[in-house]
C-alpha atoms as a PDB file:
ATOM      1  CA  MET A   1      21.777 -13.900  12.680  1.00  0.00           C
ATOM      2  CA  ASN A   2      25.017 -12.138  11.796  1.00  0.00           C
ATOM      3  CA  PRO A   3      25.914  -8.619  13.076  1.00  0.00           C
ATOM      4  CA  SER A   4      25.422  -6.968   9.682  1.00  0.00           C
ATOM      5  CA  GLU A   5      21.868  -8.332   9.426  1.00  0.00           C
ATOM      6  CA  LEU A   6      21.065  -7.119  12.941  1.00  0.00           C
ATOM      7  CA  GLU A   7      22.418  -3.678  12.054  1.00  0.00           C
ATOM      8  CA  PHE A   8      20.284  -3.609   8.917  1.00  0.00           C
ATOM      9  CA  LEU A   9      17.117  -4.623  10.774  1.00  0.00           C
ATOM     10  CA  GLU A  10      17.698  -1.832  13.301  1.00  0.00           C
ATOM     11  CA  ALA A  11      18.147   0.805  10.588  1.00  0.00           C
ATOM     12  CA  PRO A  12      17.402  -0.407   7.037  1.00  0.00           C
ATOM     13  CA  PHE A  13      18.339   2.935   5.471  1.00  0.00           C
ATOM     14  CA  HIS A  14      20.810   5.690   6.282  1.00  0.00           C
ATOM     15  CA  GLN A  15      20.117   8.926   8.106  1.00  0.00           C
ATOM     16  CA  GLY A  16      19.668  12.068   6.069  1.00  0.00           C
ATOM     17  CA  HIS A  17      16.984  10.844   3.679  1.00  0.00           C
ATOM     18  CA  LEU A  18      14.670  13.438   2.143  1.00  0.00           C
ATOM     19  CA  ALA A  19      11.267  12.443   3.535  1.00  0.00           C
ATOM     20  CA  CYS A  20       8.978  15.120   4.943  1.00  0.00           C
ATOM     21  CA  ALA A  21       8.503  15.109   8.714  1.00  0.00           C
ATOM     22  CA  GLY A  22       5.835  12.570   9.675  1.00  0.00           C
ATOM     23  CA  CYS A  23       5.918  10.813   6.288  1.00  0.00           C
ATOM     24  CA  GLY A  24       3.778   7.667   6.440  1.00  0.00           C
ATOM     25  CA  GLU A  25       5.640   6.147   3.479  1.00  0.00           C
ATOM     26  CA  ARG A  26       8.962   6.216   5.316  1.00  0.00           C
ATOM     27  CA  ILE A  27       7.510   4.604   8.437  1.00  0.00           C
ATOM     28  CA  GLY A  28       5.956   1.847   6.344  1.00  0.00           C
ATOM     29  CA  HIS A  29       9.152   1.468   4.299  1.00  0.00           C
ATOM     30  CA  LYS A  30      11.224   0.891   7.430  1.00  0.00           C
ATOM     31  CA  LEU A  31       8.811  -1.662   8.882  1.00  0.00           C
ATOM     32  CA  ALA A  32       8.541  -3.531   5.569  1.00  0.00           C
ATOM     33  CA  LEU A  33      12.317  -3.829   5.168  1.00  0.00           C
ATOM     34  CA  GLN A  34      12.705  -4.948   8.761  1.00  0.00           C
ATOM     35  CA  ALA A  35      10.257  -7.752   7.987  1.00  0.00           C
ATOM     36  CA  LEU A  36      11.858  -8.694   4.653  1.00  0.00           C
ATOM     37  CA  GLY A  37      15.540  -8.536   5.670  1.00  0.00           C
ATOM     38  CA  SER A  38      18.657  -7.453   3.816  1.00  0.00           C
ATOM     39  CA  LYS A  39      18.432  -9.987   0.955  1.00  0.00           C
ATOM     40  CA  THR A  40      16.025  -7.708  -0.856  1.00  0.00           C
ATOM     41  CA  ILE A  41      16.234  -5.722  -4.093  1.00  0.00           C
ATOM     42  CA  LEU A  42      14.034  -2.657  -4.537  1.00  0.00           C
ATOM     43  CA  VAL A  43      12.602  -1.367  -7.811  1.00  0.00           C
ATOM     44  CA  ILE A  44      11.248   2.172  -7.420  1.00  0.00           C
ATOM     45  CA  PRO A  45       9.705   4.378 -10.130  1.00  0.00           C
ATOM     46  CA  ALA A  46       9.312   8.144 -10.207  1.00  0.00           C
ATOM     47  CA  CYS A  47       7.546   8.925  -6.927  1.00  0.00           C
ATOM     48  CA  CYS A  48       8.144  10.378  -3.473  1.00  0.00           C
ATOM     49  CA  SER A  49      10.211   7.356  -2.523  1.00  0.00           C
ATOM     50  CA  THR A  50      12.710   7.757  -5.344  1.00  0.00           C
ATOM     51  CA  VAL A  51      13.355  11.317  -4.139  1.00  0.00           C
ATOM     52  CA  ILE A  52      13.494  10.255  -0.488  1.00  0.00           C
ATOM     53  CA  ASP A  53      16.135   7.599  -1.181  1.00  0.00           C
ATOM     54  CA  GLY A  54      18.122   9.844  -3.495  1.00  0.00           C
ATOM     55  CA  ILE A  55      19.835   9.220  -6.811  1.00  0.00           C
ATOM     56  CA  PHE A  56      23.197   7.662  -7.674  1.00  0.00           C
ATOM     57  CA  PRO A  57      25.775   8.081  -6.205  1.00  0.00           C
ATOM     58  CA  HIS A  58      23.987   9.569  -3.201  1.00  0.00           C
ATOM     59  CA  THR A  59      21.344   7.336  -1.626  1.00  0.00           C
ATOM     60  CA  ALA A  60      19.815   6.635   1.760  1.00  0.00           C
ATOM     61  CA  SER A  61      19.134   3.019   0.841  1.00  0.00           C
ATOM     62  CA  LYS A  62      21.242   0.199   2.261  1.00  0.00           C
ATOM     63  CA  LEU A  63      19.874  -2.169  -0.391  1.00  0.00           C
ATOM     64  CA  PRO A  64      20.397  -2.633  -4.129  1.00  0.00           C
ATOM     65  CA  LEU A  65      17.903  -0.226  -5.647  1.00  0.00           C
ATOM     66  CA  MET A  66      16.822   0.297  -9.250  1.00  0.00           C
ATOM     67  CA  HIS A  67      15.229   3.616 -10.137  1.00  0.00           C
ATOM     68  CA  THR A  68      12.937   3.098 -13.113  1.00  0.00           C
ATOM     69  CA  ALA A  69      10.418   5.024 -15.207  1.00  0.00           C
ATOM     70  CA  PHE A  70       7.008   5.952 -13.817  1.00  0.00           C
ATOM     71  CA  GLU A  71       5.071   3.257 -15.705  1.00  0.00           C
ATOM     72  CA  THR A  72       7.559   0.387 -15.531  1.00  0.00           C
ATOM     73  CA  THR A  73       7.817  -0.817 -11.925  1.00  0.00           C
ATOM     74  CA  ALA A  74       6.239  -4.219 -12.539  1.00  0.00           C
ATOM     75  CA  ALA A  75       8.054  -4.733 -15.855  1.00  0.00           C
ATOM     76  CA  ALA A  76      11.426  -3.824 -14.337  1.00  0.00           C
ATOM     77  CA  ALA A  77      10.836  -6.017 -11.266  1.00  0.00           C
ATOM     78  CA  SER A  78       9.919  -8.902 -13.596  1.00  0.00           C
ATOM     79  CA  GLY A  79      13.259  -8.414 -15.339  1.00  0.00           C
ATOM     80  CA  VAL A  80      15.192  -8.332 -12.080  1.00  0.00           C
ATOM     81  CA  ARG A  81      13.551 -11.586 -10.988  1.00  0.00           C
ATOM     82  CA  ALA A  82      14.368 -13.200 -14.351  1.00  0.00           C
ATOM     83  CA  ALA A  83      18.011 -12.122 -14.028  1.00  0.00           C
ATOM     84  CA  LEU A  84      18.236 -13.635 -10.541  1.00  0.00           C
ATOM     85  CA  VAL A  85      16.724 -16.905 -11.758  1.00  0.00           C
ATOM     86  CA  SER A  86      19.152 -17.086 -14.671  1.00  0.00           C
ATOM     87  CA  SER A  87      22.087 -16.584 -12.296  1.00  0.00           C
ATOM     88  CA  GLY A  88      20.840 -19.286  -9.917  1.00  0.00           C
ATOM     89  CA  LYS A  89      19.960 -16.952  -7.023  1.00  0.00           C
ATOM     90  CA  SER A  90      16.766 -18.031  -5.285  1.00  0.00           C
ATOM     91  CA  ASP A  91      17.135 -16.436  -1.850  1.00  0.00           C
ATOM     92  CA  VAL A  92      16.648 -12.777  -2.832  1.00  0.00           C
ATOM     93  CA  THR A  93      13.273 -11.025  -2.486  1.00  0.00           C
ATOM     94  CA  VAL A  94      12.404  -8.611  -5.307  1.00  0.00           C
ATOM     95  CA  VAL A  95      10.124  -5.735  -4.304  1.00  0.00           C
ATOM     96  CA  GLY A  96       8.481  -3.157  -6.536  1.00  0.00           C
ATOM     97  CA  TRP A  97       7.781  -0.100  -4.367  1.00  0.00           C
ATOM     98  CA  ALA A  98       5.540   2.463  -6.085  1.00  0.00           C
ATOM     99  CA  GLY A  99       3.127   5.233  -5.202  1.00  0.00           C
ATOM    100  CA  ASP A 100      -0.547   5.361  -6.086  1.00  0.00           C
ATOM    101  CA  GLY A 101       0.032   7.391  -9.244  1.00  0.00           C
ATOM    102  CA  GLY A 102       2.479   4.808 -10.553  1.00  0.00           C
ATOM    103  CA  THR A 103       0.167   1.947  -9.543  1.00  0.00           C
ATOM    104  CA  PHE A 104      -3.488   2.943  -9.872  1.00  0.00           C
ATOM    105  CA  ASP A 105      -2.843   5.037 -12.991  1.00  0.00           C
ATOM    106  CA  ILE A 106       0.361   5.263 -15.009  1.00  0.00           C
ATOM    107  CA  GLY A 107       1.810   1.858 -14.141  1.00  0.00           C
ATOM    108  CA  PHE A 108      -1.372  -0.179 -14.153  1.00  0.00           C
ATOM    109  CA  GLN A 109      -0.766  -1.800 -17.543  1.00  0.00           C
ATOM    110  CA  ALA A 110       2.548  -3.335 -16.417  1.00  0.00           C
ATOM    111  CA  LEU A 111       1.089  -4.193 -13.006  1.00  0.00           C
ATOM    112  CA  SER A 112      -1.870  -6.099 -14.461  1.00  0.00           C
ATOM    113  CA  ALA A 113       0.350  -7.901 -16.956  1.00  0.00           C
ATOM    114  CA  ALA A 114       2.801  -9.033 -14.260  1.00  0.00           C
ATOM    115  CA  ALA A 115      -0.090 -10.193 -12.081  1.00  0.00           C
ATOM    116  CA  GLU A 116      -1.618 -12.132 -14.993  1.00  0.00           C
ATOM    117  CA  ARG A 117       1.752 -13.839 -15.600  1.00  0.00           C
ATOM    118  CA  ASN A 118       2.051 -14.521 -11.852  1.00  0.00           C
ATOM    119  CA  GLU A 119       5.568 -13.065 -11.746  1.00  0.00           C
ATOM    120  CA  ASP A 120       7.465 -13.992  -8.597  1.00  0.00           C
ATOM    121  CA  PHE A 121       7.914 -10.720  -6.715  1.00  0.00           C
ATOM    122  CA  ILE A 122       6.174  -8.480  -4.191  1.00  0.00           C
ATOM    123  CA  TYR A 123       4.554  -5.302  -5.498  1.00  0.00           C
ATOM    124  CA  VAL A 124       3.910  -2.649  -2.840  1.00  0.00           C
ATOM    125  CA  CYS A 125       1.724   0.358  -3.505  1.00  0.00           C
ATOM    126  CA  TYR A 126       2.278   2.987  -0.830  1.00  0.00           C
ATOM    127  CA  ASP A 127      -0.862   5.058  -1.205  1.00  0.00           C
ATOM    128  CA  ASN A 128      -0.850   8.716  -0.173  1.00  0.00           C
ATOM    129  CA  GLU A 129      -3.909   9.302  -2.361  1.00  0.00           C
ATOM    130  CA  ALA A 130      -2.491  11.832  -4.848  1.00  0.00           C
ATOM    131  CA  TYR A 131       0.582  12.651  -6.924  1.00  0.00           C
ATOM    132  CA  MET A 132       2.357  14.162  -3.920  1.00  0.00           C
ATOM    133  CA  ASN A 133       5.875  14.287  -5.376  1.00  0.00           C
ATOM    134  CA  THR A 134       4.833  16.618  -8.202  1.00  0.00           C
ATOM    135  CA  GLY A 135       2.535  18.937  -6.304  1.00  0.00           C
ATOM    136  CA  ILE A 136      -0.528  17.153  -4.850  1.00  0.00           C
ATOM    137  CA  GLN A 137      -2.447  16.394  -8.047  1.00  0.00           C
ATOM    138  CA  ARG A 138      -5.494  14.101  -8.169  1.00  0.00           C
ATOM    139  CA  SER A 139      -4.982  10.393  -8.881  1.00  0.00           C
ATOM    140  CA  SER A 140      -7.573   7.633  -9.147  1.00  0.00           C
ATOM    141  CA  ALA A 141      -6.616   6.823  -5.541  1.00  0.00           C
ATOM    142  CA  THR A 142      -7.832  10.247  -4.384  1.00  0.00           C
ATOM    143  CA  PRO A 143     -10.937   9.833  -2.195  1.00  0.00           C
ATOM    144  CA  TYR A 144     -14.334  11.398  -2.757  1.00  0.00           C
ATOM    145  CA  GLY A 145     -14.465  15.044  -1.712  1.00  0.00           C
ATOM    146  CA  ALA A 146     -10.716  15.521  -1.294  1.00  0.00           C
ATOM    147  CA  TRP A 147      -9.010  18.784  -2.197  1.00  0.00           C
ATOM    148  CA  THR A 148      -5.977  18.582  -4.466  1.00  0.00           C
ATOM    149  CA  THR A 149      -4.303  21.213  -6.637  1.00  0.00           C
ATOM    150  CA  THR A 150      -6.152  19.810  -9.660  1.00  0.00           C
ATOM    151  CA  THR A 151      -9.457  19.381  -7.791  1.00  0.00           C
ATOM    152  CA  PRO A 152      -9.672  22.749  -6.031  1.00  0.00           C
ATOM    153  CA  LEU A 153     -12.487  23.937  -3.798  1.00  0.00           C
ATOM    154  CA  GLY A 154     -15.720  23.931  -5.741  1.00  0.00           C
ATOM    155  CA  GLN A 155     -14.393  21.197  -8.018  1.00  0.00           C
ATOM    156  CA  THR A 156     -13.299  18.537  -5.541  1.00  0.00           C
ATOM    157  CA  LYS A 157     -13.397  14.905  -6.630  1.00  0.00           C
ATOM    158  CA  ASP A 158     -16.951  13.580  -6.906  1.00  0.00           C
ATOM    159  CA  LEU A 159     -16.085   9.891  -7.322  1.00  0.00           C
ATOM    160  CA  PRO A 160     -14.758   7.300  -4.839  1.00  0.00           C
ATOM    161  CA  LYS A 161     -11.189   6.035  -5.133  1.00  0.00           C
ATOM    162  CA  LYS A 162     -10.425   3.044  -7.317  1.00  0.00           C
ATOM    163  CA  ASN A 163     -10.638  -0.252  -5.417  1.00  0.00           C
ATOM    164  CA  ILE A 164      -7.171  -1.478  -6.328  1.00  0.00           C
ATOM    165  CA  VAL A 165      -7.241  -4.406  -3.874  1.00  0.00           C
ATOM    166  CA  GLU A 166     -10.332  -5.954  -5.445  1.00  0.00           C
ATOM    167  CA  ILE A 167      -8.919  -5.372  -8.923  1.00  0.00           C
ATOM    168  CA  LEU A 168      -5.735  -7.291  -8.032  1.00  0.00           C
ATOM    169  CA  ALA A 169      -7.706  -9.972  -6.174  1.00  0.00           C
ATOM    170  CA  ALA A 170      -9.691 -10.488  -9.383  1.00  0.00           C
ATOM    171  CA  HIS A 171      -6.406 -11.539 -11.038  1.00  0.00           C
ATOM    172  CA  ARG A 172      -6.470 -14.513  -8.616  1.00  0.00           C
ATOM    173  CA  ILE A 173      -2.865 -13.965  -7.581  1.00  0.00           C
ATOM    174  CA  PRO A 174      -1.534 -15.882  -4.554  1.00  0.00           C
ATOM    175  CA  TYR A 175      -1.653 -13.020  -2.064  1.00  0.00           C
ATOM    176  CA  VAL A 176      -3.147  -9.533  -1.668  1.00  0.00           C
ATOM    177  CA  ALA A 177      -3.129  -7.567   1.582  1.00  0.00           C
ATOM    178  CA  THR A 178      -3.761  -4.122   3.038  1.00  0.00           C
ATOM    179  CA  VAL A 179      -1.389  -2.703   5.642  1.00  0.00           C
ATOM    180  CA  ASN A 180      -1.044   0.479   7.650  1.00  0.00           C
ATOM    181  CA  PRO A 181       2.111   1.708   9.482  1.00  0.00           C
ATOM    182  CA  ALA A 182      -0.084   2.625  12.458  1.00  0.00           C
ATOM    183  CA  TYR A 183      -0.537  -1.144  12.987  1.00  0.00           C
ATOM    184  CA  PRO A 184       3.096  -2.320  12.802  1.00  0.00           C
ATOM    185  CA  GLN A 185       2.587  -5.910  13.994  1.00  0.00           C
ATOM    186  CA  ASP A 186      -0.072  -6.529  11.359  1.00  0.00           C
ATOM    187  CA  LEU A 187       2.088  -4.904   8.682  1.00  0.00           C
ATOM    188  CA  MET A 188       5.220  -6.882   9.466  1.00  0.00           C
ATOM    189  CA  ALA A 189       3.331 -10.174   9.763  1.00  0.00           C
ATOM    190  CA  LYS A 190       1.866  -9.674   6.293  1.00  0.00           C
ATOM    191  CA  PHE A 191       5.234  -8.831   4.741  1.00  0.00           C
ATOM    192  CA  ARG A 192       6.774 -11.922   6.335  1.00  0.00           C
ATOM    193  CA  LYS A 193       3.896 -14.008   5.010  1.00  0.00           C
ATOM    194  CA  ALA A 194       4.270 -12.506   1.534  1.00  0.00           C
ATOM    195  CA  LYS A 195       7.977 -13.318   1.588  1.00  0.00           C
ATOM    196  CA  ARG A 196       7.199 -17.014   2.163  1.00  0.00           C
ATOM    197  CA  ILE A 197       4.763 -17.190  -0.763  1.00  0.00           C
ATOM    198  CA  SER A 198       5.819 -17.752  -4.384  1.00  0.00           C
ATOM    199  CA  GLY A 199       4.244 -15.915  -7.290  1.00  0.00           C
ATOM    200  CA  PHE A 200       2.835 -12.415  -7.550  1.00  0.00           C
ATOM    201  CA  ARG A 201       2.009 -10.695  -4.283  1.00  0.00           C
ATOM    202  CA  PHE A 202       0.405  -7.269  -3.923  1.00  0.00           C
ATOM    203  CA  ILE A 203       0.440  -5.165  -0.746  1.00  0.00           C
ATOM    204  CA  HIS A 204      -1.546  -1.937  -0.448  1.00  0.00           C
ATOM    205  CA  LEU A 205       0.004   0.351   2.185  1.00  0.00           C
ATOM    206  CA  LEU A 206      -1.817   3.470   3.344  1.00  0.00           C
ATOM    207  CA  ALA A 207       0.780   6.243   3.682  1.00  0.00           C
ATOM    208  CA  ALA A 208      -0.609   9.245   5.544  1.00  0.00           C
ATOM    209  CA  CYS A 209       0.918  12.420   4.066  1.00  0.00           C
ATOM    210  CA  PRO A 210       1.094  15.541   6.267  1.00  0.00           C
ATOM    211  CA  THR A 211       1.992  17.730   3.274  1.00  0.00           C
ATOM    212  CA  GLY A 212      -0.779  16.620   0.927  1.00  0.00           C
ATOM    213  CA  TRP A 213      -3.449  15.786   3.478  1.00  0.00           C
ATOM    214  CA  LYS A 214      -2.830  18.998   5.422  1.00  0.00           C
ATOM    215  CA  PHE A 215      -2.331  17.838   8.999  1.00  0.00           C
ATOM    216  CA  ASP A 216       0.383  18.343  11.605  1.00  0.00           C
ATOM    217  CA  SER A 217       3.267  15.900  11.219  1.00  0.00           C
ATOM    218  CA  ASP A 218       2.865  14.529  14.755  1.00  0.00           C
ATOM    219  CA  LEU A 219      -0.597  13.159  13.846  1.00  0.00           C
ATOM    220  CA  THR A 220       0.533  10.559  11.284  1.00  0.00           C
ATOM    221  CA  ILE A 221      -0.092   7.536  13.490  1.00  0.00           C
ATOM    222  CA  LYS A 222      -3.344   8.961  14.830  1.00  0.00           C
ATOM    223  CA  LEU A 223      -4.652   9.489  11.275  1.00  0.00           C
ATOM    224  CA  GLY A 224      -3.513   6.009  10.285  1.00  0.00           C
ATOM    225  CA  ARG A 225      -5.435   4.497  13.175  1.00  0.00           C
ATOM    226  CA  LEU A 226      -8.536   6.547  12.457  1.00  0.00           C
ATOM    227  CA  ALA A 227      -8.472   5.382   8.825  1.00  0.00           C
ATOM    228  CA  VAL A 228      -8.777   1.807  10.096  1.00  0.00           C
ATOM    229  CA  GLU A 229     -11.099   2.384  13.053  1.00  0.00           C
ATOM    230  CA  THR A 230     -13.588   4.256  10.839  1.00  0.00           C
ATOM    231  CA  LYS A 231     -13.451   1.312   8.357  1.00  0.00           C
ATOM    232  CA  ILE A 232     -12.312   3.659   5.596  1.00  0.00           C
ATOM    233  CA  PHE A 233      -9.174   1.523   5.196  1.00  0.00           C
ATOM    234  CA  PRO A 234      -9.883  -1.989   6.529  1.00  0.00           C
ATOM    235  CA  LEU A 235      -7.016  -4.365   7.236  1.00  0.00           C
ATOM    236  CA  TYR A 236      -7.505  -7.680   5.442  1.00  0.00           C
ATOM    237  CA  GLU A 237      -5.878 -10.203   3.127  1.00  0.00           C
ATOM    238  CA  VAL A 238      -7.013 -12.261   0.138  1.00  0.00           C
ATOM    239  CA  GLU A 239      -5.453 -15.548  -0.949  1.00  0.00           C
ATOM    240  CA  ASP A 240      -5.858 -16.861  -4.501  1.00  0.00           C
ATOM    241  CA  GLY A 241      -8.590 -14.304  -5.140  1.00  0.00           C
ATOM    242  CA  GLU A 242     -11.042 -16.276  -3.002  1.00  0.00           C
ATOM    243  CA  ILE A 243     -10.104 -16.549   0.672  1.00  0.00           C
ATOM    244  CA  TYR A 244     -10.792 -13.302   2.560  1.00  0.00           C
ATOM    245  CA  ARG A 245      -9.596 -12.670   6.117  1.00  0.00           C
ATOM    246  CA  ILE A 246     -10.119  -9.468   8.072  1.00  0.00           C
ATOM    247  CA  THR A 247      -7.012  -9.173  10.255  1.00  0.00           C
ATOM    248  CA  TYR A 248      -8.227  -6.383  12.550  1.00  0.00           C
ATOM    249  CA  ARG A 249     -11.764  -5.674  13.755  1.00  0.00           C
ATOM    250  CA  PRO A 250     -12.259  -1.884  13.879  1.00  0.00           C
ATOM    251  CA  LYS A 251     -14.283  -0.053  16.495  1.00  0.00           C
ATOM    252  CA  GLY A 252     -16.519   1.676  13.969  1.00  0.00           C
ATOM    253  CA  VAL A 253     -15.646   5.296  14.731  1.00  0.00           C
ATOM    254  CA  PRO A 254     -17.684   7.872  12.717  1.00  0.00           C
ATOM    255  CA  VAL A 255     -15.868   8.870   9.525  1.00  0.00           C
ATOM    256  CA  GLN A 256     -15.997  12.571  10.386  1.00  0.00           C
ATOM    257  CA  GLU A 257     -13.400  12.014  13.131  1.00  0.00           C
ATOM    258  CA  TYR A 258     -10.929  10.986  10.423  1.00  0.00           C
ATOM    259  CA  LEU A 259     -12.004  13.438   7.722  1.00  0.00           C
ATOM    260  CA  LEU A 260     -12.098  16.648   9.747  1.00  0.00           C
ATOM    261  CA  GLU A 261      -8.561  16.141  11.134  1.00  0.00           C
ATOM    262  CA  GLN A 262      -7.314  16.885   7.600  1.00  0.00           C
ATOM    263  CA  GLY A 263      -7.248  20.190   5.772  1.00  0.00           C
ATOM    264  CA  ARG A 264      -8.054  18.522   2.451  1.00  0.00           C
ATOM    265  CA  PHE A 265     -11.547  17.681   3.822  1.00  0.00           C
ATOM    266  CA  LYS A 266     -12.275  20.815   5.867  1.00  0.00           C
ATOM    267  CA  HIS A 267     -14.742  22.073   3.252  1.00  0.00           C
ATOM    268  CA  LEU A 268     -17.014  19.015   3.443  1.00  0.00           C
ATOM    269  CA  ARG A 269     -20.679  19.652   4.212  1.00  0.00           C
ATOM    270  CA  PRO A 270     -22.689  17.401   6.561  1.00  0.00           C
ATOM    271  CA  GLU A 271     -24.377  15.793   3.548  1.00  0.00           C
ATOM    272  CA  ASP A 272     -20.944  15.007   2.037  1.00  0.00           C
ATOM    273  CA  ILE A 273     -19.840  13.339   5.255  1.00  0.00           C
ATOM    274  CA  GLY A 274     -23.125  11.436   5.356  1.00  0.00           C
ATOM    275  CA  TYR A 275     -22.551  10.160   1.811  1.00  0.00           C
ATOM    276  CA  ILE A 276     -19.029   8.993   2.709  1.00  0.00           C
ATOM    277  CA  GLN A 277     -20.342   7.263   5.854  1.00  0.00           C
ATOM    278  CA  GLU A 278     -22.948   5.390   3.809  1.00  0.00           C
ATOM    279  CA  PHE A 279     -20.360   4.339   1.242  1.00  0.00           C
ATOM    280  CA  VAL A 280     -17.956   3.120   3.946  1.00  0.00           C
ATOM    281  CA  ASP A 281     -20.711   1.182   5.743  1.00  0.00           C
ATOM    282  CA  LYS A 282     -21.767  -0.479   2.477  1.00  0.00           C
ATOM    283  CA  SER A 283     -18.174  -1.387   1.574  1.00  0.00           C
ATOM    284  CA  TRP A 284     -17.558  -2.847   5.035  1.00  0.00           C
ATOM    285  CA  HIS A 285     -20.720  -4.939   4.808  1.00  0.00           C
ATOM    286  CA  GLU A 286     -19.604  -6.294   1.426  1.00  0.00           C
ATOM    287  CA  LEU A 287     -16.214  -7.200   2.886  1.00  0.00           C
ATOM    288  CA  LEU A 288     -17.864  -9.038   5.782  1.00  0.00           C
ATOM    289  CA  LEU A 289     -19.956 -11.030   3.319  1.00  0.00           C
ATOM    290  CA  LYS A 290     -16.863 -11.996   1.311  1.00  0.00           C
ATOM    291  CA  GLU A 291     -15.091 -13.135   4.470  1.00  0.00           C
ATOM    292  CA  LYS A 292     -18.146 -15.096   5.598  1.00  0.00           C
ATOM    293  CA  TYR A 293     -18.563 -16.786   2.207  1.00  0.00           C
ATOM    294  CA  SER A 294     -14.887 -17.730   1.901  1.00  0.00           C
ATOM    295  CA  HIS A 295     -14.930 -19.147   5.443  1.00  0.00           C
ATOM    296  CA  GLU A 296     -17.985 -21.250   4.600  1.00  0.00           C
ATOM    297  CA  GLN A 297     -16.221 -22.508   1.474  1.00  0.00           C
ATOM    298  CA  GLU A 298     -13.143 -23.489   3.479  1.00  0.00           C
ATOM    299  CA  VAL A 299     -15.300 -25.366   5.994  1.00  0.00           C
ATOM    300  CA  ALA A 300     -17.132 -27.158   3.164  1.00  0.00           C
ATOM    301  CA  GLU A 301     -13.873 -28.194   1.495  1.00  0.00           C
ATOM    302  CA  ARG A 302     -12.472 -29.556   4.765  1.00  0.00           C
ATOM    303  CA  SER A 303     -15.620 -31.592   5.302  1.00  0.00           C
ATOM    304  CA  GLY A 304     -15.461 -33.075   1.824  1.00  0.00           C
ATOM    305  CA  GLY A 305     -18.062 -30.754   0.316  1.00  0.00           C
ATOM    306  CA  LYS A 306     -20.858 -32.137   2.466  1.00  0.00           C
END
């Protein structure tokens, strides 16, 4: 490995970026780039990350970076990949890096189309569960019961967040995974695996947000771990829409330990917390069944279907 690559892996972006203190996106961004290496091109739409990295000619990024419109991450990344192919460059990883608003909502049409075409790039959704860059508005990634500026107290969201991982898995793309910066080894292993795979790859990264979630900035890693240990955000991967693997077995901490650390959930009543616990338990059970079934299918295939 040459000195410039080692320098990049140590610090894949410059000091002085504009992230809030304790930003989960920036922690995940650093770990992802350390796993992917310097031969990477980023495509970033309107979101927190485009502000964090800055605009031309002032940027914190050490990589080629295309800022694109809110809804066009997947379309623009498809174009970048096509340009690389036409110029004979096959050793560069193209990464679309978008927030939940630009993935779950505004950019979903381009995302689904690129997945259906099996475009050869990695799409990362860093999910801070609202439109944080424009003032903490509700997105379809916002969880049940969460306060936002557009779901104020008395009108908080009464529906669960969209299950974006299962939606992308239903496209039967080569690789889908969930990652969390609080589990860096798992995160980096999945990015390295995604880099080795051809075709469309989707990674869902939980990005704890002190500003929007209303917690002290030194609690980012603690909240990330509680999201996993409560089974609210399980760590798993799906290959070809069929093979499920849970990559970390959580302890099963009660959901209230995660929820009540955050100001956006402080208003929840015991019955609200009970509803969320039931929903999480049901979702975890369904995930276990999918893993069990896919394992049985793998065993059957290896034994010749007998």
